N, C-alpha and C. Protein backbone atom coordinates (compact mmCIF):
# COMPACT_ATOMS: atom_id res chain seq x y z
N MET A 1 -89.90 -21.27 59.21
CA MET A 1 -88.48 -21.23 58.86
C MET A 1 -88.23 -20.03 57.96
N PRO A 2 -87.33 -19.10 58.35
CA PRO A 2 -87.10 -17.91 57.54
C PRO A 2 -86.37 -18.27 56.24
N LYS A 3 -86.72 -17.56 55.17
CA LYS A 3 -86.09 -17.79 53.88
C LYS A 3 -84.67 -17.21 53.88
N ASP A 4 -83.71 -17.95 53.32
CA ASP A 4 -82.32 -17.51 53.24
C ASP A 4 -82.23 -16.45 52.15
N LYS A 5 -81.84 -15.21 52.50
CA LYS A 5 -81.80 -14.09 51.57
C LYS A 5 -80.50 -14.01 50.79
N ARG A 6 -79.56 -14.93 51.05
CA ARG A 6 -78.29 -14.89 50.35
C ARG A 6 -78.46 -15.33 48.90
N SER A 7 -77.59 -14.83 48.02
CA SER A 7 -77.64 -15.23 46.62
C SER A 7 -77.17 -16.68 46.50
N PHE A 8 -77.41 -17.26 45.34
CA PHE A 8 -76.98 -18.64 45.09
C PHE A 8 -75.47 -18.77 45.30
N PHE A 9 -74.70 -17.82 44.74
CA PHE A 9 -73.24 -17.86 44.88
C PHE A 9 -72.82 -17.79 46.34
N GLU A 10 -73.47 -16.92 47.11
CA GLU A 10 -73.13 -16.78 48.53
C GLU A 10 -73.44 -18.07 49.30
N ARG A 11 -74.53 -18.75 48.92
CA ARG A 11 -74.88 -19.99 49.62
C ARG A 11 -73.92 -21.12 49.30
N ILE A 12 -73.48 -21.28 48.04
CA ILE A 12 -72.61 -22.40 47.71
C ILE A 12 -71.17 -22.17 48.14
N THR A 13 -70.76 -20.90 48.24
CA THR A 13 -69.37 -20.63 48.66
C THR A 13 -69.25 -20.35 50.14
N GLY A 14 -70.38 -20.11 50.81
CA GLY A 14 -70.33 -19.84 52.23
C GLY A 14 -69.95 -18.41 52.57
N THR A 15 -69.95 -17.53 51.58
CA THR A 15 -69.62 -16.13 51.86
C THR A 15 -70.87 -15.37 52.26
N ILE A 16 -70.68 -14.19 52.79
CA ILE A 16 -71.79 -13.37 53.24
C ILE A 16 -71.68 -12.02 52.58
N SER A 17 -72.79 -11.54 52.06
CA SER A 17 -72.83 -10.22 51.45
C SER A 17 -72.79 -9.16 52.55
N VAL A 18 -72.02 -8.12 52.34
CA VAL A 18 -71.96 -7.03 53.31
C VAL A 18 -73.03 -6.03 52.89
N SER A 19 -74.21 -6.18 53.43
CA SER A 19 -75.31 -5.28 53.11
C SER A 19 -76.05 -4.89 54.38
N GLU A 20 -76.94 -3.91 54.24
CA GLU A 20 -77.60 -3.37 55.42
C GLU A 20 -78.60 -4.32 56.04
N ASP A 21 -79.07 -5.35 55.34
CA ASP A 21 -80.09 -6.21 55.91
C ASP A 21 -79.52 -7.44 56.62
N ARG A 22 -78.24 -7.47 56.94
CA ARG A 22 -77.63 -8.61 57.64
C ARG A 22 -77.74 -8.44 59.14
N ASP A 23 -77.86 -9.56 59.83
CA ASP A 23 -77.99 -9.57 61.28
C ASP A 23 -76.65 -9.62 61.99
N LEU A 24 -75.56 -9.90 61.25
CA LEU A 24 -74.25 -10.04 61.89
C LEU A 24 -73.71 -8.68 62.30
N PRO A 25 -73.05 -8.62 63.46
CA PRO A 25 -72.37 -7.38 63.84
C PRO A 25 -71.21 -7.12 62.88
N GLU A 26 -70.83 -5.87 62.74
CA GLU A 26 -69.81 -5.47 61.78
C GLU A 26 -68.47 -6.18 62.02
N GLU A 27 -68.11 -6.45 63.28
CA GLU A 27 -66.81 -7.09 63.55
C GLU A 27 -66.76 -8.53 63.05
N GLU A 28 -67.89 -9.18 62.82
CA GLU A 28 -67.88 -10.56 62.33
C GLU A 28 -67.70 -10.63 60.82
N TYR A 29 -67.88 -9.51 60.11
CA TYR A 29 -67.69 -9.53 58.66
C TYR A 29 -66.26 -9.87 58.28
N GLU A 30 -65.30 -9.43 59.07
CA GLU A 30 -63.90 -9.71 58.78
C GLU A 30 -63.61 -11.20 58.73
N GLU A 31 -64.29 -11.99 59.56
CA GLU A 31 -64.06 -13.43 59.58
C GLU A 31 -64.59 -14.10 58.33
N GLN A 32 -65.46 -13.46 57.57
CA GLN A 32 -66.09 -14.04 56.41
C GLN A 32 -65.38 -13.70 55.10
N VAL A 33 -64.32 -12.91 55.14
CA VAL A 33 -63.62 -12.51 53.93
C VAL A 33 -62.85 -13.70 53.38
N THR A 34 -62.97 -13.93 52.08
CA THR A 34 -62.24 -15.00 51.42
C THR A 34 -60.96 -14.43 50.87
N LEU A 35 -59.84 -15.05 51.21
CA LEU A 35 -58.54 -14.59 50.74
C LEU A 35 -58.21 -15.26 49.42
N PRO A 36 -57.46 -14.59 48.53
CA PRO A 36 -57.08 -15.21 47.27
C PRO A 36 -56.15 -16.39 47.51
N ILE A 37 -56.17 -17.34 46.57
CA ILE A 37 -55.35 -18.54 46.66
C ILE A 37 -54.13 -18.36 45.77
N SER A 38 -52.98 -18.73 46.27
CA SER A 38 -51.75 -18.63 45.48
C SER A 38 -51.63 -19.84 44.57
N SER A 39 -50.64 -19.85 43.69
CA SER A 39 -50.46 -20.94 42.74
C SER A 39 -50.14 -22.26 43.42
N ASN A 40 -49.62 -22.23 44.66
CA ASN A 40 -49.33 -23.49 45.35
C ASN A 40 -50.52 -24.00 46.14
N GLY A 41 -51.69 -23.34 46.01
CA GLY A 41 -52.91 -23.82 46.63
C GLY A 41 -53.12 -23.34 48.05
N LYS A 42 -52.20 -22.57 48.61
CA LYS A 42 -52.35 -22.07 49.97
C LYS A 42 -52.96 -20.68 49.96
N THR A 43 -53.69 -20.36 51.01
CA THR A 43 -54.30 -19.04 51.10
C THR A 43 -53.23 -17.99 51.37
N LYS A 44 -53.31 -16.89 50.62
CA LYS A 44 -52.36 -15.80 50.82
C LYS A 44 -52.84 -14.92 51.97
N SER A 45 -51.91 -14.44 52.74
CA SER A 45 -52.27 -13.47 53.76
C SER A 45 -52.32 -12.10 53.09
N THR A 46 -52.92 -11.13 53.76
CA THR A 46 -53.01 -9.79 53.16
C THR A 46 -51.63 -9.18 52.94
N ALA A 47 -50.65 -9.59 53.72
CA ALA A 47 -49.29 -9.07 53.54
C ALA A 47 -48.69 -9.58 52.23
N ASP A 48 -49.13 -10.76 51.76
CA ASP A 48 -48.58 -11.35 50.53
C ASP A 48 -49.21 -10.77 49.27
N TRP A 49 -50.31 -10.05 49.37
CA TRP A 49 -50.99 -9.56 48.19
C TRP A 49 -50.11 -8.64 47.36
N HIS A 50 -49.26 -7.88 47.99
CA HIS A 50 -48.44 -6.93 47.27
C HIS A 50 -47.14 -7.54 46.79
N GLU A 51 -46.78 -8.68 47.31
CA GLU A 51 -45.54 -9.34 46.94
C GLU A 51 -45.86 -10.54 46.07
N GLU A 52 -46.36 -10.29 44.87
CA GLU A 52 -46.71 -11.37 43.95
C GLU A 52 -45.44 -12.03 43.43
N GLU A 53 -45.48 -13.35 43.32
CA GLU A 53 -44.37 -14.05 42.72
C GLU A 53 -44.45 -13.87 41.21
N GLU A 54 -43.32 -14.01 40.53
CA GLU A 54 -43.30 -13.84 39.09
C GLU A 54 -44.12 -14.95 38.44
N GLU A 55 -45.07 -14.55 37.61
CA GLU A 55 -45.90 -15.52 36.93
C GLU A 55 -45.15 -16.06 35.73
N GLU A 56 -45.40 -17.34 35.41
CA GLU A 56 -44.81 -17.93 34.23
C GLU A 56 -45.79 -17.81 33.07
N GLY A 57 -45.26 -17.56 31.90
CA GLY A 57 -46.09 -17.53 30.71
C GLY A 57 -46.35 -18.95 30.23
N GLU A 58 -47.36 -19.10 29.39
CA GLU A 58 -47.65 -20.41 28.83
C GLU A 58 -47.24 -20.40 27.37
N LEU A 59 -46.43 -21.34 27.01
CA LEU A 59 -45.88 -21.43 25.66
C LEU A 59 -46.94 -21.94 24.70
N ALA A 60 -47.09 -21.28 23.55
CA ALA A 60 -48.03 -21.73 22.52
C ALA A 60 -47.40 -22.89 21.76
N VAL A 61 -48.17 -23.93 21.49
CA VAL A 61 -47.65 -25.11 20.79
C VAL A 61 -48.63 -25.58 19.72
N ASP A 62 -48.11 -26.26 18.73
CA ASP A 62 -48.89 -27.03 17.77
C ASP A 62 -48.51 -28.49 18.00
N VAL A 63 -49.51 -29.37 18.08
CA VAL A 63 -49.25 -30.80 18.26
C VAL A 63 -50.05 -31.55 17.20
N HIS A 64 -49.37 -32.39 16.42
CA HIS A 64 -50.06 -33.24 15.46
C HIS A 64 -49.38 -34.60 15.42
N GLN A 65 -50.03 -35.54 14.75
CA GLN A 65 -49.46 -36.88 14.70
C GLN A 65 -49.50 -37.43 13.29
N THR A 66 -48.57 -38.33 13.05
CA THR A 66 -48.57 -39.13 11.83
C THR A 66 -48.84 -40.57 12.28
N ASP A 67 -48.71 -41.49 11.37
CA ASP A 67 -48.91 -42.90 11.75
C ASP A 67 -47.86 -43.37 12.75
N ASN A 68 -46.64 -42.82 12.67
CA ASN A 68 -45.52 -43.33 13.46
C ASN A 68 -45.02 -42.42 14.57
N GLU A 69 -45.40 -41.14 14.55
CA GLU A 69 -44.86 -40.22 15.56
C GLU A 69 -45.82 -39.09 15.90
N ILE A 70 -45.54 -38.47 17.04
CA ILE A 70 -46.24 -37.26 17.47
C ILE A 70 -45.25 -36.12 17.31
N ILE A 71 -45.70 -35.01 16.75
CA ILE A 71 -44.81 -33.88 16.50
C ILE A 71 -45.34 -32.67 17.27
N VAL A 72 -44.46 -32.07 18.08
CA VAL A 72 -44.79 -30.88 18.86
C VAL A 72 -43.91 -29.76 18.33
N GLN A 73 -44.53 -28.60 18.00
CA GLN A 73 -43.77 -27.46 17.51
C GLN A 73 -44.12 -26.23 18.33
N SER A 74 -43.11 -25.40 18.58
CA SER A 74 -43.31 -24.17 19.34
C SER A 74 -42.26 -23.14 18.95
N MET A 75 -42.68 -21.86 18.94
CA MET A 75 -41.74 -20.78 18.66
C MET A 75 -41.01 -20.42 19.96
N VAL A 76 -39.70 -20.54 19.93
CA VAL A 76 -38.87 -20.21 21.10
C VAL A 76 -37.79 -19.20 20.71
N ALA A 77 -38.11 -18.35 19.76
CA ALA A 77 -37.15 -17.35 19.30
C ALA A 77 -36.71 -16.47 20.46
N GLY A 78 -35.42 -16.20 20.52
CA GLY A 78 -34.88 -15.35 21.58
C GLY A 78 -34.50 -16.11 22.83
N VAL A 79 -34.70 -17.42 22.84
CA VAL A 79 -34.35 -18.23 24.01
C VAL A 79 -33.04 -18.95 23.72
N LYS A 80 -32.08 -18.78 24.61
CA LYS A 80 -30.80 -19.47 24.46
C LYS A 80 -31.02 -20.96 24.73
N PRO A 81 -30.32 -21.83 24.02
CA PRO A 81 -30.48 -23.27 24.25
C PRO A 81 -30.25 -23.69 25.71
N GLU A 82 -29.33 -23.01 26.40
CA GLU A 82 -29.08 -23.36 27.80
C GLU A 82 -30.21 -22.90 28.73
N ASP A 83 -31.10 -22.02 28.23
CA ASP A 83 -32.25 -21.57 29.01
C ASP A 83 -33.52 -22.35 28.66
N LEU A 84 -33.40 -23.42 27.89
CA LEU A 84 -34.53 -24.22 27.44
C LEU A 84 -34.36 -25.65 27.94
N GLN A 85 -35.43 -26.20 28.51
CA GLN A 85 -35.39 -27.56 29.05
C GLN A 85 -36.61 -28.32 28.54
N VAL A 86 -36.39 -29.49 27.94
CA VAL A 86 -37.48 -30.35 27.47
C VAL A 86 -37.40 -31.66 28.24
N THR A 87 -38.49 -31.99 28.92
CA THR A 87 -38.57 -33.22 29.70
C THR A 87 -39.69 -34.07 29.12
N ILE A 88 -39.40 -35.35 28.87
CA ILE A 88 -40.43 -36.22 28.31
C ILE A 88 -40.57 -37.49 29.13
N THR A 89 -41.80 -37.96 29.19
CA THR A 89 -42.10 -39.29 29.69
C THR A 89 -42.85 -40.00 28.58
N ARG A 90 -43.30 -41.19 28.81
CA ARG A 90 -44.03 -41.92 27.78
C ARG A 90 -45.38 -41.28 27.45
N GLU A 91 -45.93 -40.51 28.39
CA GLU A 91 -47.26 -39.94 28.20
C GLU A 91 -47.29 -38.41 28.15
N MET A 92 -46.17 -37.74 28.42
CA MET A 92 -46.23 -36.29 28.62
C MET A 92 -44.92 -35.62 28.20
N VAL A 93 -45.05 -34.36 27.74
CA VAL A 93 -43.90 -33.53 27.38
C VAL A 93 -44.02 -32.22 28.14
N THR A 94 -42.91 -31.76 28.74
CA THR A 94 -42.89 -30.45 29.39
C THR A 94 -41.76 -29.64 28.77
N ILE A 95 -42.11 -28.45 28.30
CA ILE A 95 -41.13 -27.52 27.74
C ILE A 95 -41.07 -26.34 28.70
N LYS A 96 -39.87 -26.04 29.19
CA LYS A 96 -39.70 -24.96 30.15
C LYS A 96 -38.51 -24.13 29.72
N GLY A 97 -38.63 -22.82 29.91
CA GLY A 97 -37.53 -21.96 29.51
C GLY A 97 -37.67 -20.56 30.05
N ARG A 98 -36.76 -19.71 29.59
CA ARG A 98 -36.74 -18.33 30.05
C ARG A 98 -36.23 -17.46 28.91
N ARG A 99 -36.96 -16.39 28.62
CA ARG A 99 -36.57 -15.42 27.61
C ARG A 99 -36.18 -14.15 28.36
N GLU A 100 -34.92 -13.77 28.26
CA GLU A 100 -34.41 -12.60 28.98
C GLU A 100 -34.66 -11.32 28.19
N ALA A 101 -35.17 -10.32 28.87
CA ALA A 101 -35.43 -9.02 28.26
C ALA A 101 -34.11 -8.28 28.05
N PRO A 102 -34.03 -7.45 27.01
CA PRO A 102 -32.83 -6.64 26.84
C PRO A 102 -32.69 -5.68 28.02
N SER A 103 -31.54 -5.67 28.63
CA SER A 103 -31.35 -4.87 29.84
C SER A 103 -30.86 -3.45 29.55
N ASP A 104 -30.56 -3.15 28.30
CA ASP A 104 -30.02 -1.83 27.97
C ASP A 104 -31.11 -0.82 27.58
N ILE A 105 -32.40 -1.19 27.72
CA ILE A 105 -33.50 -0.28 27.37
C ILE A 105 -34.28 0.05 28.64
N ALA A 106 -34.41 1.33 28.93
CA ALA A 106 -35.15 1.77 30.11
C ALA A 106 -36.65 1.66 29.84
N ASP A 107 -37.44 1.34 30.87
CA ASP A 107 -38.88 1.20 30.73
C ASP A 107 -39.55 2.45 30.16
N GLU A 108 -39.09 3.61 30.56
CA GLU A 108 -39.71 4.86 30.08
C GLU A 108 -39.41 5.14 28.61
N ASP A 109 -38.46 4.41 28.00
CA ASP A 109 -38.13 4.61 26.59
C ASP A 109 -39.01 3.79 25.64
N TYR A 110 -39.86 2.92 26.16
CA TYR A 110 -40.73 2.10 25.32
C TYR A 110 -41.97 2.87 24.89
N PHE A 111 -42.36 2.72 23.62
CA PHE A 111 -43.64 3.21 23.11
C PHE A 111 -44.64 2.06 23.10
N GLN A 112 -44.19 0.89 22.73
CA GLN A 112 -44.97 -0.35 22.74
C GLN A 112 -44.14 -1.38 23.50
N HIS A 113 -44.79 -2.16 24.35
CA HIS A 113 -44.07 -3.19 25.12
C HIS A 113 -44.98 -4.41 25.20
N GLU A 114 -45.02 -5.21 24.12
CA GLU A 114 -45.97 -6.31 24.01
C GLU A 114 -45.33 -7.69 24.08
N LEU A 115 -44.05 -7.81 23.84
CA LEU A 115 -43.41 -9.12 23.86
C LEU A 115 -43.34 -9.67 25.27
N TYR A 116 -43.42 -11.01 25.38
CA TYR A 116 -43.34 -11.64 26.69
C TYR A 116 -41.89 -11.93 27.03
N TRP A 117 -41.46 -11.47 28.19
CA TRP A 117 -40.12 -11.72 28.70
C TRP A 117 -40.26 -12.39 30.05
N GLY A 118 -39.43 -13.38 30.30
CA GLY A 118 -39.48 -14.08 31.58
C GLY A 118 -39.63 -15.58 31.37
N GLY A 119 -39.97 -16.26 32.46
CA GLY A 119 -40.09 -17.72 32.42
C GLY A 119 -41.39 -18.16 31.78
N PHE A 120 -41.33 -19.34 31.15
CA PHE A 120 -42.53 -19.93 30.55
C PHE A 120 -42.45 -21.44 30.71
N THR A 121 -43.60 -22.07 30.65
CA THR A 121 -43.65 -23.53 30.73
C THR A 121 -44.90 -24.02 30.01
N ARG A 122 -44.85 -25.22 29.52
CA ARG A 122 -46.02 -25.85 28.91
C ARG A 122 -45.88 -27.35 29.06
N THR A 123 -46.94 -27.97 29.56
CA THR A 123 -46.99 -29.43 29.68
C THR A 123 -48.09 -29.94 28.76
N ILE A 124 -47.76 -30.94 27.95
CA ILE A 124 -48.70 -31.48 26.98
C ILE A 124 -48.90 -32.97 27.27
N LEU A 125 -50.16 -33.36 27.48
CA LEU A 125 -50.48 -34.78 27.59
C LEU A 125 -50.58 -35.34 26.19
N LEU A 126 -49.87 -36.41 25.93
CA LEU A 126 -49.80 -36.95 24.58
C LEU A 126 -50.95 -37.92 24.31
N PRO A 127 -51.41 -38.00 23.06
CA PRO A 127 -52.52 -38.89 22.72
C PRO A 127 -52.13 -40.36 22.64
N ALA A 128 -50.83 -40.64 22.64
CA ALA A 128 -50.34 -42.02 22.59
C ALA A 128 -49.01 -42.09 23.33
N GLU A 129 -48.62 -43.28 23.74
CA GLU A 129 -47.32 -43.45 24.41
C GLU A 129 -46.20 -43.35 23.39
N ILE A 130 -45.06 -42.83 23.85
CA ILE A 130 -43.93 -42.62 22.94
C ILE A 130 -42.69 -43.35 23.45
N GLU A 131 -41.75 -43.52 22.54
CA GLU A 131 -40.42 -44.07 22.87
C GLU A 131 -39.53 -42.91 23.28
N THR A 132 -39.26 -42.79 24.57
CA THR A 132 -38.47 -41.64 25.04
C THR A 132 -37.03 -41.69 24.55
N GLU A 133 -36.48 -42.88 24.42
CA GLU A 133 -35.07 -43.02 24.01
C GLU A 133 -34.83 -42.60 22.56
N GLU A 134 -35.83 -42.70 21.72
CA GLU A 134 -35.66 -42.40 20.30
C GLU A 134 -36.18 -41.02 19.92
N SER A 135 -36.64 -40.24 20.88
CA SER A 135 -37.19 -38.91 20.62
C SER A 135 -36.07 -37.92 20.33
N GLU A 136 -36.39 -36.86 19.58
CA GLU A 136 -35.38 -35.85 19.28
C GLU A 136 -36.00 -34.46 19.30
N ALA A 137 -35.17 -33.47 19.62
CA ALA A 137 -35.56 -32.07 19.64
C ALA A 137 -34.65 -31.30 18.71
N ILE A 138 -35.26 -30.52 17.81
CA ILE A 138 -34.50 -29.74 16.83
C ILE A 138 -34.99 -28.30 16.88
N GLU A 139 -34.05 -27.35 16.92
CA GLU A 139 -34.40 -25.92 16.89
C GLU A 139 -33.79 -25.33 15.63
N LYS A 140 -34.63 -24.68 14.81
CA LYS A 140 -34.14 -24.05 13.59
C LYS A 140 -34.89 -22.76 13.39
N HIS A 141 -34.17 -21.64 13.33
CA HIS A 141 -34.74 -20.30 13.12
C HIS A 141 -35.81 -19.97 14.16
N GLY A 142 -35.61 -20.39 15.42
CA GLY A 142 -36.56 -20.08 16.49
C GLY A 142 -37.72 -21.04 16.62
N LEU A 143 -37.82 -22.04 15.74
CA LEU A 143 -38.89 -23.03 15.80
C LEU A 143 -38.35 -24.31 16.43
N LEU A 144 -38.90 -24.68 17.58
CA LEU A 144 -38.53 -25.92 18.26
C LEU A 144 -39.46 -27.02 17.76
N THR A 145 -38.88 -28.11 17.27
CA THR A 145 -39.66 -29.25 16.80
C THR A 145 -39.24 -30.48 17.58
N LEU A 146 -40.21 -31.11 18.23
CA LEU A 146 -39.98 -32.37 18.94
C LEU A 146 -40.59 -33.49 18.12
N ARG A 147 -39.79 -34.49 17.82
CA ARG A 147 -40.27 -35.67 17.09
C ARG A 147 -40.28 -36.83 18.09
N LEU A 148 -41.47 -37.33 18.36
CA LEU A 148 -41.66 -38.32 19.40
C LEU A 148 -42.24 -39.59 18.78
N PRO A 149 -41.41 -40.61 18.56
CA PRO A 149 -41.91 -41.85 17.94
C PRO A 149 -42.91 -42.56 18.85
N LYS A 150 -44.02 -42.99 18.25
CA LYS A 150 -45.04 -43.72 19.01
C LYS A 150 -44.57 -45.14 19.30
N ILE A 151 -45.03 -45.67 20.41
CA ILE A 151 -44.77 -47.07 20.73
C ILE A 151 -45.71 -47.91 19.88
N ASP A 152 -45.16 -48.88 19.19
CA ASP A 152 -45.99 -49.78 18.38
C ASP A 152 -46.41 -50.95 19.26
N LYS A 153 -47.63 -50.86 19.77
CA LYS A 153 -48.12 -51.90 20.69
C LYS A 153 -48.48 -53.19 19.96
N GLU A 154 -48.65 -53.10 18.65
CA GLU A 154 -49.01 -54.30 17.89
C GLU A 154 -47.79 -55.01 17.34
N LYS A 155 -46.62 -54.43 17.51
CA LYS A 155 -45.39 -55.03 17.02
C LYS A 155 -45.10 -56.31 17.81
N THR A 156 -44.81 -57.36 17.10
CA THR A 156 -44.50 -58.64 17.75
C THR A 156 -43.11 -59.09 17.34
N ALA A 157 -42.53 -59.88 18.17
CA ALA A 157 -41.21 -60.44 17.87
C ALA A 157 -41.21 -61.89 18.34
N LYS A 158 -40.49 -62.72 17.59
CA LYS A 158 -40.38 -64.12 17.98
C LYS A 158 -39.09 -64.29 18.73
N LEU A 159 -39.17 -64.96 19.86
CA LEU A 159 -37.99 -65.22 20.67
C LEU A 159 -37.50 -66.64 20.41
N LYS A 160 -36.20 -66.75 20.32
CA LYS A 160 -35.60 -68.06 20.15
C LYS A 160 -35.38 -68.62 21.56
N ILE A 161 -35.76 -69.83 21.75
CA ILE A 161 -35.64 -70.47 23.06
C ILE A 161 -34.29 -71.15 23.15
N LYS A 162 -33.56 -70.80 24.22
CA LYS A 162 -32.24 -71.38 24.44
C LYS A 162 -32.40 -72.53 25.41
N SER A 163 -31.66 -73.55 25.16
CA SER A 163 -31.67 -74.71 26.05
C SER A 163 -30.47 -74.61 26.98
N VAL A 164 -30.73 -74.61 28.28
CA VAL A 164 -29.66 -74.50 29.26
C VAL A 164 -29.52 -75.87 29.94
N GLN A 165 -28.31 -76.38 30.02
CA GLN A 165 -28.09 -77.66 30.67
C GLN A 165 -27.12 -77.58 31.79
């Protein structure tokens, strides 16, 4: 049984190295090319390589908790409130928005261009379940603060029994 000369990576991914010691004819190499995967999980065709969709940035967040609530903070300076969307469930928070670049400055006029402009999103899995109805979002001086009250699973209540006749 001949020894497989492919590298470990080539064997686990099923790719083939294009080298002089291969037995495959040159026309079969094209069938072995792995295409990049797009964000939706589908393989991109070579025509799509040049037409990249706009990538979303990932929003930086701080998340901490107290005994009664989970607090999420993020800098959203330069984002209009109508361009910001916060969606919450009992287990997860998603912050999505868009920061528009100033349109009156030409690209060739920049000396430094480091700020992120465009769409961003961040989804945070919470360490405890929260009360969605009692949650609040506050923005002050570009700092977005989400206050998410925890569900008190140990809280008990006594029910009065009504007699129906």
